[in-house]
Every structure is written in structure tokens, then in C-alpha cells.
Amino acid sequence: MFTQEKYLKALNFAAKAHGEQKTPYGVPYLTHLASVAMEIIHACEQSQLKIEKADLAITVALLHDTIEDTDVTYDDLYSEFGAEVAEAVEALTKDKTIESKKDQMALSINNLLTQPYEVQMVKLADRITNMQKPPESWDSLKVLNYQKEAKFILSCLKNSNLYLSKRLEDKINEYVVYINR
């Protein structure tokens, strides 16, 4: 269904780029990237995506946070993986020069809507992976806003993959237990 060599190339690149970075739960960041890739792999199987589209989606899943969270640049990704992957990762990258999180998300979604469905799928898979128990430091308002943001992502990108859309919808509905905890 996908090319092992491309998977390992992206995985190794991401592992080096993220280095010792940890998730908010204290585990290596590679755990998050592998979880997003796992969601994508399963969605590709469920949707019977062609190998080229699956390769793009899985590669981008593994690299989706490299520009946003590391020293990796668009040019680095372009040199290593080509324009399609670099543009996809850039579309998934929030513009941190924009102060408002809401405006960052709106621009990110607008950028994603210009990308192929297999790139949009990564945003759904990323949010599915992130819709676990929120960090203890989050108050109820932050949890509620995170759920609302997930609903916005779903409403904009739900047509990219029916399997992932259903998974995210279920996660959003389950997330209500963390509001007013």
C-alpha cells in the first residue's frame, strides 16, 4: 500500500529534526508523529488510496510539524522530498507571526483547501491524535475552545476522507467528558 523506503526516509528525517523534543505528556515527539502516520495508514487502507497518494499522505504525516516546530525550512524539505511534500508541510504550518490563534487556524485551513485531499487528511489525523485527555494545566475554557476548533477543522475538511471525518467526529463527541472536569 505504501513504500517502506519513503516511510523510513521521512521517519528518520523527522526523528533527527525533532531530536529530544517531547510531547506535553513527556514522551518523545516521534510518538505523536507515528500516531498521526498510523491514522493515515489506516485511512489509506480503508479508502483504498492509490500508492502515490498514500505515500504522499504518510510522508506528510511524519513531517507535518517539522517547519512549525524545528529548524527545518521549506527549502530543506524541498531539497530532500520535493515540491509536493514541502508545499504540503508548509500548508500544515501555522503562521506564528499572526497573533490570534483563530486567525492562524483560518489561514491554515485556507492553505489546506488548496492542497489535495491526502494532505487535508493529515490535518484530520493530527487532530484525532491530539483529541486525547488534555494536559492538567488546561482550564475548562481552553478545553472547550480546543473542541470548538476541532469542530471547525472537521466542518472545513470533512470531505477529504470519510473514514477520518467519522473518527474525528467521534473524538469530538467523546471529548465532552473533559469539559468542566
N, C-alpha and C. Protein backbone atom coordinates (compact mmCIF):
# COMPACT_ATOMS: atom_id res chain seq x y z
N MET A 1 0.82 -1.20 0.00
CA MET A 1 0.00 0.00 0.00
C MET A 1 0.85 1.26 0.00
N PHE A 2 2.01 1.23 0.64
CA PHE A 2 2.89 2.38 0.62
C PHE A 2 4.32 1.88 0.51
N THR A 3 5.23 2.79 0.26
CA THR A 3 6.61 2.43 0.03
C THR A 3 7.40 2.52 1.33
N GLN A 4 7.94 1.41 1.78
CA GLN A 4 8.69 1.37 3.03
C GLN A 4 9.88 2.32 3.01
N GLU A 5 10.56 2.41 1.88
CA GLU A 5 11.74 3.28 1.78
C GLU A 5 11.36 4.74 2.01
N LYS A 6 10.24 5.18 1.44
CA LYS A 6 9.80 6.57 1.63
C LYS A 6 9.39 6.79 3.08
N TYR A 7 8.73 5.81 3.66
CA TYR A 7 8.33 5.91 5.07
C TYR A 7 9.55 6.08 5.96
N LEU A 8 10.54 5.23 5.78
CA LEU A 8 11.74 5.29 6.62
C LEU A 8 12.52 6.57 6.40
N LYS A 9 12.58 7.04 5.16
CA LYS A 9 13.28 8.30 4.89
C LYS A 9 12.61 9.45 5.65
N ALA A 10 11.29 9.54 5.59
CA ALA A 10 10.56 10.60 6.28
C ALA A 10 10.65 10.44 7.79
N LEU A 11 10.53 9.21 8.28
CA LEU A 11 10.61 8.94 9.71
C LEU A 11 11.97 9.34 10.27
N ASN A 12 13.03 8.94 9.60
CA ASN A 12 14.39 9.27 10.05
C ASN A 12 14.65 10.77 10.00
N PHE A 13 14.17 11.43 8.95
CA PHE A 13 14.32 12.88 8.83
C PHE A 13 13.61 13.57 9.99
N ALA A 14 12.37 13.16 10.25
CA ALA A 14 11.59 13.75 11.34
C ALA A 14 12.24 13.49 12.69
N ALA A 15 12.76 12.28 12.89
CA ALA A 15 13.41 11.94 14.16
C ALA A 15 14.61 12.84 14.41
N LYS A 16 15.40 13.08 13.40
CA LYS A 16 16.57 13.96 13.55
C LYS A 16 16.12 15.39 13.77
N ALA A 17 15.12 15.84 13.02
CA ALA A 17 14.66 17.23 13.12
C ALA A 17 14.09 17.52 14.51
N HIS A 18 13.29 16.62 15.04
CA HIS A 18 12.63 16.84 16.33
C HIS A 18 13.55 16.51 17.51
N GLY A 19 14.59 15.74 17.27
CA GLY A 19 15.61 15.47 18.29
C GLY A 19 15.02 15.04 19.61
N GLU A 20 15.33 15.78 20.65
CA GLU A 20 14.91 15.46 22.02
C GLU A 20 13.56 16.07 22.39
N GLN A 21 12.88 16.66 21.43
CA GLN A 21 11.59 17.30 21.70
C GLN A 21 10.61 16.28 22.29
N LYS A 22 9.80 16.76 23.22
CA LYS A 22 8.81 15.90 23.90
C LYS A 22 7.40 16.43 23.65
N THR A 23 6.43 15.57 23.80
CA THR A 23 5.02 15.97 23.75
C THR A 23 4.68 16.60 25.11
N PRO A 24 3.50 17.22 25.23
CA PRO A 24 3.10 17.75 26.55
C PRO A 24 2.99 16.65 27.62
N TYR A 25 3.00 15.40 27.21
CA TYR A 25 2.89 14.28 28.14
C TYR A 25 4.26 13.70 28.50
N GLY A 26 5.33 14.33 27.98
CA GLY A 26 6.68 13.93 28.35
C GLY A 26 7.27 12.77 27.56
N VAL A 27 6.59 12.33 26.51
CA VAL A 27 7.13 11.24 25.69
C VAL A 27 7.80 11.83 24.45
N PRO A 28 8.72 11.09 23.83
CA PRO A 28 9.38 11.62 22.64
C PRO A 28 8.37 12.06 21.58
N TYR A 29 8.66 13.19 20.93
CA TYR A 29 7.73 13.75 19.95
C TYR A 29 7.44 12.80 18.80
N LEU A 30 8.40 11.93 18.52
CA LEU A 30 8.22 10.96 17.45
C LEU A 30 6.97 10.10 17.69
N THR A 31 6.58 9.94 18.95
CA THR A 31 5.35 9.20 19.28
C THR A 31 4.14 9.85 18.63
N HIS A 32 4.07 11.18 18.71
CA HIS A 32 2.96 11.91 18.09
C HIS A 32 2.98 11.72 16.57
N LEU A 33 4.14 11.86 15.96
CA LEU A 33 4.24 11.73 14.50
C LEU A 33 3.86 10.33 14.04
N ALA A 34 4.30 9.33 14.79
CA ALA A 34 3.97 7.94 14.45
C ALA A 34 2.46 7.69 14.61
N SER A 35 1.85 8.33 15.60
CA SER A 35 0.40 8.18 15.80
C SER A 35 -0.38 8.80 14.64
N VAL A 36 0.05 9.97 14.20
CA VAL A 36 -0.62 10.61 13.06
C VAL A 36 -0.44 9.74 11.81
N ALA A 37 0.78 9.24 11.60
CA ALA A 37 1.03 8.36 10.45
C ALA A 37 0.18 7.09 10.53
N MET A 38 0.02 6.54 11.73
CA MET A 38 -0.81 5.34 11.90
C MET A 38 -2.26 5.62 11.49
N GLU A 39 -2.79 6.77 11.90
CA GLU A 39 -4.14 7.15 11.49
C GLU A 39 -4.24 7.24 9.97
N ILE A 40 -3.23 7.83 9.36
CA ILE A 40 -3.22 7.98 7.90
C ILE A 40 -3.12 6.62 7.21
N ILE A 41 -2.24 5.76 7.70
CA ILE A 41 -2.09 4.44 7.10
C ILE A 41 -3.42 3.69 7.14
N HIS A 42 -4.07 3.72 8.27
CA HIS A 42 -5.35 3.03 8.39
C HIS A 42 -6.40 3.65 7.46
N ALA A 43 -6.43 4.97 7.37
CA ALA A 43 -7.38 5.64 6.48
C ALA A 43 -7.09 5.31 5.02
N CYS A 44 -5.81 5.23 4.67
CA CYS A 44 -5.45 4.87 3.29
C CYS A 44 -5.93 3.47 2.95
N GLU A 45 -5.80 2.55 3.91
CA GLU A 45 -6.29 1.18 3.69
C GLU A 45 -7.81 1.17 3.57
N GLN A 46 -8.49 1.86 4.48
CA GLN A 46 -9.95 1.89 4.46
C GLN A 46 -10.48 2.52 3.18
N SER A 47 -9.78 3.50 2.66
CA SER A 47 -10.21 4.25 1.49
C SER A 47 -9.63 3.70 0.19
N GLN A 48 -8.77 2.70 0.31
CA GLN A 48 -8.10 2.10 -0.84
C GLN A 48 -7.44 3.16 -1.72
N LEU A 49 -6.69 4.05 -1.06
CA LEU A 49 -5.98 5.10 -1.77
C LEU A 49 -4.87 4.50 -2.62
N LYS A 50 -4.66 5.08 -3.78
CA LYS A 50 -3.58 4.64 -4.67
C LYS A 50 -2.24 4.88 -3.97
N ILE A 51 -1.25 4.07 -4.33
CA ILE A 51 0.04 4.09 -3.64
C ILE A 51 0.68 5.48 -3.65
N GLU A 52 0.59 6.22 -4.75
CA GLU A 52 1.22 7.54 -4.83
C GLU A 52 0.56 8.50 -3.83
N LYS A 53 -0.75 8.43 -3.72
CA LYS A 53 -1.47 9.31 -2.78
C LYS A 53 -1.19 8.88 -1.35
N ALA A 54 -1.14 7.58 -1.11
CA ALA A 54 -0.83 7.08 0.23
C ALA A 54 0.58 7.48 0.64
N ASP A 55 1.53 7.35 -0.28
CA ASP A 55 2.91 7.75 0.02
C ASP A 55 2.98 9.22 0.41
N LEU A 56 2.28 10.07 -0.33
CA LEU A 56 2.29 11.50 -0.01
C LEU A 56 1.68 11.74 1.37
N ALA A 57 0.53 11.16 1.63
CA ALA A 57 -0.15 11.37 2.91
C ALA A 57 0.70 10.89 4.08
N ILE A 58 1.31 9.73 3.95
CA ILE A 58 2.10 9.17 5.05
C ILE A 58 3.38 9.98 5.25
N THR A 59 4.04 10.36 4.17
CA THR A 59 5.25 11.18 4.27
C THR A 59 4.94 12.50 4.95
N VAL A 60 3.87 13.15 4.52
CA VAL A 60 3.49 14.44 5.10
C VAL A 60 3.07 14.27 6.57
N ALA A 61 2.43 13.17 6.90
CA ALA A 61 2.06 12.92 8.30
C ALA A 61 3.29 12.89 9.19
N LEU A 62 4.34 12.24 8.72
CA LEU A 62 5.56 12.14 9.51
C LEU A 62 6.31 13.46 9.61
N LEU A 63 6.14 14.31 8.60
CA LEU A 63 6.89 15.58 8.54
C LEU A 63 6.07 16.80 8.90
N HIS A 64 4.80 16.63 9.23
CA HIS A 64 3.87 17.76 9.28
C HIS A 64 4.25 18.87 10.26
N ASP A 65 5.01 18.58 11.29
CA ASP A 65 5.39 19.60 12.27
C ASP A 65 6.83 20.09 12.13
N THR A 66 7.54 19.66 11.10
CA THR A 66 8.96 20.00 11.01
C THR A 66 9.20 21.49 10.81
N ILE A 67 8.46 22.14 9.93
CA ILE A 67 8.67 23.57 9.72
C ILE A 67 8.20 24.35 10.95
N GLU A 68 7.06 23.96 11.50
CA GLU A 68 6.46 24.69 12.62
C GLU A 68 7.26 24.57 13.92
N ASP A 69 7.83 23.40 14.18
CA ASP A 69 8.40 23.13 15.50
C ASP A 69 9.90 22.87 15.54
N THR A 70 10.58 22.96 14.39
CA THR A 70 12.03 22.69 14.37
C THR A 70 12.72 23.75 13.52
N ASP A 71 14.01 23.57 13.30
CA ASP A 71 14.78 24.49 12.46
C ASP A 71 14.67 24.15 10.98
N VAL A 72 13.93 23.12 10.62
CA VAL A 72 13.77 22.72 9.23
C VAL A 72 13.00 23.80 8.48
N THR A 73 13.45 24.09 7.26
CA THR A 73 12.80 25.10 6.43
C THR A 73 12.10 24.44 5.25
N TYR A 74 11.29 25.24 4.58
CA TYR A 74 10.66 24.80 3.34
C TYR A 74 11.73 24.30 2.37
N ASP A 75 12.80 25.06 2.24
CA ASP A 75 13.88 24.70 1.31
C ASP A 75 14.52 23.36 1.66
N ASP A 76 14.67 23.09 2.97
CA ASP A 76 15.21 21.80 3.40
C ASP A 76 14.31 20.66 2.92
N LEU A 77 13.01 20.83 3.13
CA LEU A 77 12.07 19.78 2.71
C LEU A 77 12.03 19.66 1.19
N TYR A 78 12.08 20.80 0.52
CA TYR A 78 12.07 20.80 -0.95
C TYR A 78 13.28 20.01 -1.48
N SER A 79 14.45 20.27 -0.91
CA SER A 79 15.68 19.58 -1.35
C SER A 79 15.62 18.09 -1.09
N GLU A 80 15.04 17.72 0.05
CA GLU A 80 15.05 16.31 0.46
C GLU A 80 13.87 15.50 -0.11
N PHE A 81 12.69 16.16 -0.24
CA PHE A 81 11.48 15.42 -0.58
C PHE A 81 10.74 15.96 -1.80
N GLY A 82 11.11 17.11 -2.31
CA GLY A 82 10.46 17.68 -3.48
C GLY A 82 9.40 18.71 -3.13
N ALA A 83 8.91 19.37 -4.17
CA ALA A 83 7.97 20.48 -4.01
C ALA A 83 6.65 20.06 -3.41
N GLU A 84 6.12 18.93 -3.84
CA GLU A 84 4.80 18.49 -3.36
C GLU A 84 4.77 18.32 -1.84
N VAL A 85 5.77 17.67 -1.30
CA VAL A 85 5.85 17.44 0.15
C VAL A 85 6.12 18.76 0.87
N ALA A 86 7.04 19.55 0.36
CA ALA A 86 7.37 20.83 1.01
C ALA A 86 6.15 21.75 1.04
N GLU A 87 5.42 21.82 -0.04
CA GLU A 87 4.21 22.67 -0.07
C GLU A 87 3.14 22.14 0.87
N ALA A 88 3.03 20.83 0.96
CA ALA A 88 2.04 20.23 1.87
C ALA A 88 2.37 20.55 3.32
N VAL A 89 3.62 20.38 3.71
CA VAL A 89 4.03 20.65 5.09
C VAL A 89 3.87 22.15 5.38
N GLU A 90 4.22 22.98 4.42
CA GLU A 90 4.05 24.42 4.62
C GLU A 90 2.57 24.77 4.83
N ALA A 91 1.68 24.11 4.10
CA ALA A 91 0.24 24.36 4.25
C ALA A 91 -0.25 23.94 5.63
N LEU A 92 0.39 22.96 6.23
CA LEU A 92 0.02 22.48 7.56
C LEU A 92 0.68 23.28 8.69
N THR A 93 1.51 24.23 8.34
CA THR A 93 2.27 25.02 9.31
C THR A 93 1.53 26.30 9.66
N LYS A 94 1.33 26.50 10.97
CA LYS A 94 0.69 27.74 11.43
C LYS A 94 1.67 28.90 11.29
N ASP A 95 1.16 30.05 10.91
CA ASP A 95 1.96 31.26 10.80
C ASP A 95 2.00 31.92 12.18
N LYS A 96 3.09 31.76 12.88
CA LYS A 96 3.20 32.26 14.25
C LYS A 96 3.40 33.78 14.31
N THR A 97 3.54 34.42 13.16
CA THR A 97 3.61 35.89 13.16
C THR A 97 2.22 36.50 13.33
N ILE A 98 1.18 35.68 13.16
CA ILE A 98 -0.19 36.12 13.37
C ILE A 98 -0.52 35.89 14.85
N GLU A 99 -0.93 36.94 15.53
CA GLU A 99 -1.14 36.85 16.98
C GLU A 99 -2.34 35.98 17.37
N SER A 100 -3.44 36.15 16.67
CA SER A 100 -4.67 35.45 17.02
C SER A 100 -4.61 33.98 16.59
N LYS A 101 -4.85 33.08 17.55
CA LYS A 101 -4.89 31.65 17.24
C LYS A 101 -6.01 31.35 16.23
N LYS A 102 -7.13 32.06 16.38
CA LYS A 102 -8.26 31.86 15.47
C LYS A 102 -7.86 32.24 14.04
N ASP A 103 -7.15 33.36 13.89
CA ASP A 103 -6.70 33.78 12.57
C ASP A 103 -5.64 32.84 12.01
N GLN A 104 -4.77 32.32 12.90
CA GLN A 104 -3.79 31.32 12.46
C GLN A 104 -4.49 30.10 11.88
N MET A 105 -5.52 29.63 12.58
CA MET A 105 -6.25 28.45 12.15
C MET A 105 -6.98 28.71 10.84
N ALA A 106 -7.60 29.88 10.71
CA ALA A 106 -8.33 30.21 9.48
C ALA A 106 -7.39 30.22 8.27
N LEU A 107 -6.22 30.82 8.43
CA LEU A 107 -5.25 30.85 7.34
C LEU A 107 -4.76 29.44 7.02
N SER A 108 -4.49 28.66 8.06
CA SER A 108 -4.04 27.28 7.87
C SER A 108 -5.08 26.47 7.08
N ILE A 109 -6.34 26.60 7.45
CA ILE A 109 -7.40 25.87 6.74
C ILE A 109 -7.50 26.35 5.29
N ASN A 110 -7.43 27.66 5.09
CA ASN A 110 -7.47 28.19 3.71
C ASN A 110 -6.31 27.64 2.88
N ASN A 111 -5.13 27.55 3.48
CA ASN A 111 -3.98 26.98 2.78
C ASN A 111 -4.22 25.50 2.47
N LEU A 112 -4.80 24.78 3.41
CA LEU A 112 -5.06 23.35 3.21
C LEU A 112 -6.10 23.10 2.13
N LEU A 113 -7.05 24.00 2.00
CA LEU A 113 -8.10 23.82 0.99
C LEU A 113 -7.55 23.91 -0.43
N THR A 114 -6.34 24.42 -0.59
CA THR A 114 -5.70 24.45 -1.92
C THR A 114 -4.89 23.19 -2.18
N GLN A 115 -4.80 22.33 -1.19
CA GLN A 115 -3.99 21.10 -1.27
C GLN A 115 -4.88 19.90 -1.64
N PRO A 116 -4.25 18.83 -2.13
CA PRO A 116 -5.00 17.61 -2.42
C PRO A 116 -5.60 17.01 -1.14
N TYR A 117 -6.62 16.21 -1.32
CA TYR A 117 -7.30 15.58 -0.18
C TYR A 117 -6.33 14.83 0.75
N GLU A 118 -5.34 14.15 0.17
CA GLU A 118 -4.44 13.36 1.01
C GLU A 118 -3.61 14.24 1.95
N VAL A 119 -3.43 15.50 1.62
CA VAL A 119 -2.75 16.43 2.52
C VAL A 119 -3.75 16.91 3.58
N GLN A 120 -4.97 17.20 3.18
CA GLN A 120 -6.00 17.61 4.13
C GLN A 120 -6.26 16.51 5.17
N MET A 121 -6.12 15.27 4.74
CA MET A 121 -6.30 14.14 5.65
C MET A 121 -5.36 14.22 6.85
N VAL A 122 -4.16 14.75 6.63
CA VAL A 122 -3.17 14.82 7.70
C VAL A 122 -3.66 15.74 8.83
N LYS A 123 -4.33 16.82 8.46
CA LYS A 123 -4.86 17.72 9.50
C LYS A 123 -5.92 17.02 10.33
N LEU A 124 -6.78 16.24 9.67
CA LEU A 124 -7.79 15.46 10.41
C LEU A 124 -7.11 14.46 11.34
N ALA A 125 -6.12 13.74 10.81
CA ALA A 125 -5.42 12.72 11.61
C ALA A 125 -4.66 13.35 12.77
N ASP A 126 -4.08 14.52 12.54
CA ASP A 126 -3.36 15.22 13.59
C ASP A 126 -4.32 15.59 14.73
N ARG A 127 -5.48 16.10 14.37
CA ARG A 127 -6.43 16.49 15.42
C ARG A 127 -7.01 15.25 16.12
N ILE A 128 -7.25 14.18 15.39
CA ILE A 128 -7.70 12.94 16.02
C ILE A 128 -6.70 12.52 17.10
N THR A 129 -5.43 12.54 16.73
CA THR A 129 -4.37 12.14 17.66
C THR A 129 -4.30 13.07 18.86
N ASN A 130 -4.57 14.35 18.65
CA ASN A 130 -4.49 15.32 19.74
C ASN A 130 -5.74 15.36 20.62
N MET A 131 -6.80 14.71 20.21
CA MET A 131 -8.05 14.73 20.98
C MET A 131 -8.04 13.63 22.06
N GLN A 132 -6.97 13.59 22.82
CA GLN A 132 -6.89 12.70 23.97
C GLN A 132 -7.08 13.54 25.23
N LYS A 133 -6.90 12.94 26.36
CA LYS A 133 -7.06 13.69 27.61
C LYS A 133 -6.15 14.92 27.58
N PRO A 134 -6.73 16.11 27.78
CA PRO A 134 -5.91 17.33 27.73
C PRO A 134 -4.96 17.42 28.92
N PRO A 135 -3.87 18.19 28.75
CA PRO A 135 -2.95 18.37 29.88
C PRO A 135 -3.67 18.95 31.09
N GLU A 136 -3.22 18.60 32.27
CA GLU A 136 -3.83 19.08 33.52
C GLU A 136 -3.82 20.60 33.62
N SER A 137 -2.84 21.23 32.97
CA SER A 137 -2.71 22.69 33.06
C SER A 137 -3.81 23.44 32.29
N TRP A 138 -4.57 22.73 31.44
CA TRP A 138 -5.63 23.38 30.68
C TRP A 138 -6.86 23.59 31.54
N ASP A 139 -7.41 24.80 31.50
CA ASP A 139 -8.67 25.04 32.20
C ASP A 139 -9.83 24.66 31.28
N SER A 140 -11.05 24.71 31.82
CA SER A 140 -12.24 24.29 31.06
C SER A 140 -12.44 25.10 29.79
N LEU A 141 -12.14 26.39 29.83
CA LEU A 141 -12.31 27.23 28.65
C LEU A 141 -11.37 26.81 27.54
N LYS A 142 -10.13 26.51 27.87
CA LYS A 142 -9.16 26.07 26.87
C LYS A 142 -9.59 24.73 26.26
N VAL A 143 -10.09 23.84 27.09
CA VAL A 143 -10.58 22.54 26.61
C VAL A 143 -11.77 22.75 25.67
N LEU A 144 -12.69 23.60 26.07
CA LEU A 144 -13.86 23.89 25.24
C LEU A 144 -13.44 24.50 23.90
N ASN A 145 -12.51 25.45 23.93
CA ASN A 145 -12.05 26.08 22.70
C ASN A 145 -11.34 25.09 21.78
N TYR A 146 -10.61 24.14 22.37
CA TYR A 146 -9.94 23.12 21.58
C TYR A 146 -10.96 22.23 20.87
N GLN A 147 -12.02 21.90 21.58
CA GLN A 147 -13.09 21.11 20.97
C GLN A 147 -13.77 21.90 19.85
N LYS A 148 -14.03 23.19 20.07
CA LYS A 148 -14.64 24.03 19.04
C LYS A 148 -13.75 24.13 17.81
N GLU A 149 -12.46 24.24 18.04
CA GLU A 149 -11.50 24.30 16.94
C GLU A 149 -11.54 22.99 16.14
N ALA A 150 -11.66 21.88 16.83
CA ALA A 150 -11.76 20.58 16.17
C ALA A 150 -13.02 20.51 15.30
N LYS A 151 -14.12 21.06 15.81
CA LYS A 151 -15.36 21.10 15.02
C LYS A 151 -15.18 21.94 13.76
N PHE A 152 -14.46 23.06 13.89
CA PHE A 152 -14.19 23.91 12.73
C PHE A 152 -13.35 23.16 11.70
N ILE A 153 -12.31 22.48 12.15
CA ILE A 153 -11.46 21.69 11.25
C ILE A 153 -12.31 20.66 10.52
N LEU A 154 -13.13 19.94 11.27
CA LEU A 154 -13.99 18.92 10.69
C LEU A 154 -14.94 19.51 9.66
N SER A 155 -15.56 20.63 9.99
CA SER A 155 -16.53 21.24 9.06
C SER A 155 -15.87 21.65 7.75
N CYS A 156 -14.62 22.05 7.80
CA CYS A 156 -13.92 22.52 6.60
C CYS A 156 -13.30 21.39 5.78
N LEU A 157 -12.86 20.34 6.44
CA LEU A 157 -12.07 19.30 5.77
C LEU A 157 -12.75 17.94 5.72
N LYS A 158 -14.02 17.87 6.12
CA LYS A 158 -14.68 16.56 6.24
C LYS A 158 -14.76 15.79 4.92
N ASN A 159 -14.74 16.47 3.81
CA ASN A 159 -14.85 15.79 2.52
C ASN A 159 -13.54 15.16 2.06
N SER A 160 -12.46 15.42 2.77
CA SER A 160 -11.17 14.87 2.33
C SER A 160 -11.08 13.36 2.55
N ASN A 161 -11.73 12.86 3.59
CA ASN A 161 -11.72 11.42 3.84
C ASN A 161 -12.84 11.07 4.81
N LEU A 162 -13.78 10.26 4.37
CA LEU A 162 -14.94 9.92 5.19
C LEU A 162 -14.57 9.14 6.44
N TYR A 163 -13.60 8.25 6.32
CA TYR A 163 -13.18 7.46 7.48
C TYR A 163 -12.61 8.38 8.57
N LEU A 164 -11.68 9.25 8.21
CA LEU A 164 -11.08 10.15 9.20
C LEU A 164 -12.09 11.15 9.73
N SER A 165 -13.01 11.58 8.89
CA SER A 165 -14.05 12.51 9.35
C SER A 165 -14.90 11.88 10.44
N LYS A 166 -15.27 10.64 10.24
CA LYS A 166 -16.06 9.92 11.25
C LYS A 166 -15.25 9.72 12.53
N ARG A 167 -13.96 9.39 12.40
CA ARG A 167 -13.09 9.23 13.57
C ARG A 167 -13.00 10.52 14.36
N LEU A 168 -12.83 11.66 13.64
CA LEU A 168 -12.72 12.94 14.34
C LEU A 168 -14.05 13.32 14.97
N GLU A 169 -15.14 13.08 14.28
CA GLU A 169 -16.46 13.38 14.85
C GLU A 169 -16.66 12.61 16.16
N ASP A 170 -16.28 11.34 16.16
CA ASP A 170 -16.40 10.53 17.38
C ASP A 170 -15.51 11.08 18.49
N LYS A 171 -14.29 11.47 18.16
CA LYS A 171 -13.37 12.03 19.16
C LYS A 171 -13.92 13.34 19.74
N ILE A 172 -14.50 14.17 18.89
CA ILE A 172 -15.09 15.43 19.36
C ILE A 172 -16.22 15.14 20.35
N ASN A 173 -17.06 14.17 20.02
CA ASN A 173 -18.17 13.82 20.91
C ASN A 173 -17.68 13.24 22.24
N GLU A 174 -16.62 12.47 22.19
CA GLU A 174 -16.05 11.87 23.41
C GLU A 174 -15.33 12.91 24.27
N TYR A 175 -14.84 13.97 23.64
CA TYR A 175 -14.03 14.98 24.32
C TYR A 175 -14.83 15.78 25.33
N VAL A 176 -16.13 15.73 25.20
CA VAL A 176 -17.01 16.49 26.10
C VAL A 176 -16.77 16.12 27.57
N VAL A 177 -16.29 14.91 27.85
CA VAL A 177 -16.04 14.50 29.23
C VAL A 177 -14.96 15.33 29.90
N TYR A 178 -14.12 15.99 29.10
CA TYR A 178 -13.02 16.79 29.68
C TYR A 178 -13.42 18.24 29.93
N ILE A 179 -14.59 18.64 29.46
CA ILE A 179 -15.07 19.99 29.69
C ILE A 179 -15.72 20.03 31.08
N ASN A 180 -15.40 21.05 31.85
CA ASN A 180 -15.90 21.20 33.22
C ASN A 180 -15.49 20.02 34.12
N ARG A 181 -14.27 19.56 33.94
CA ARG A 181 -13.77 18.44 34.77
C ARG A 181 -13.36 18.90 36.12
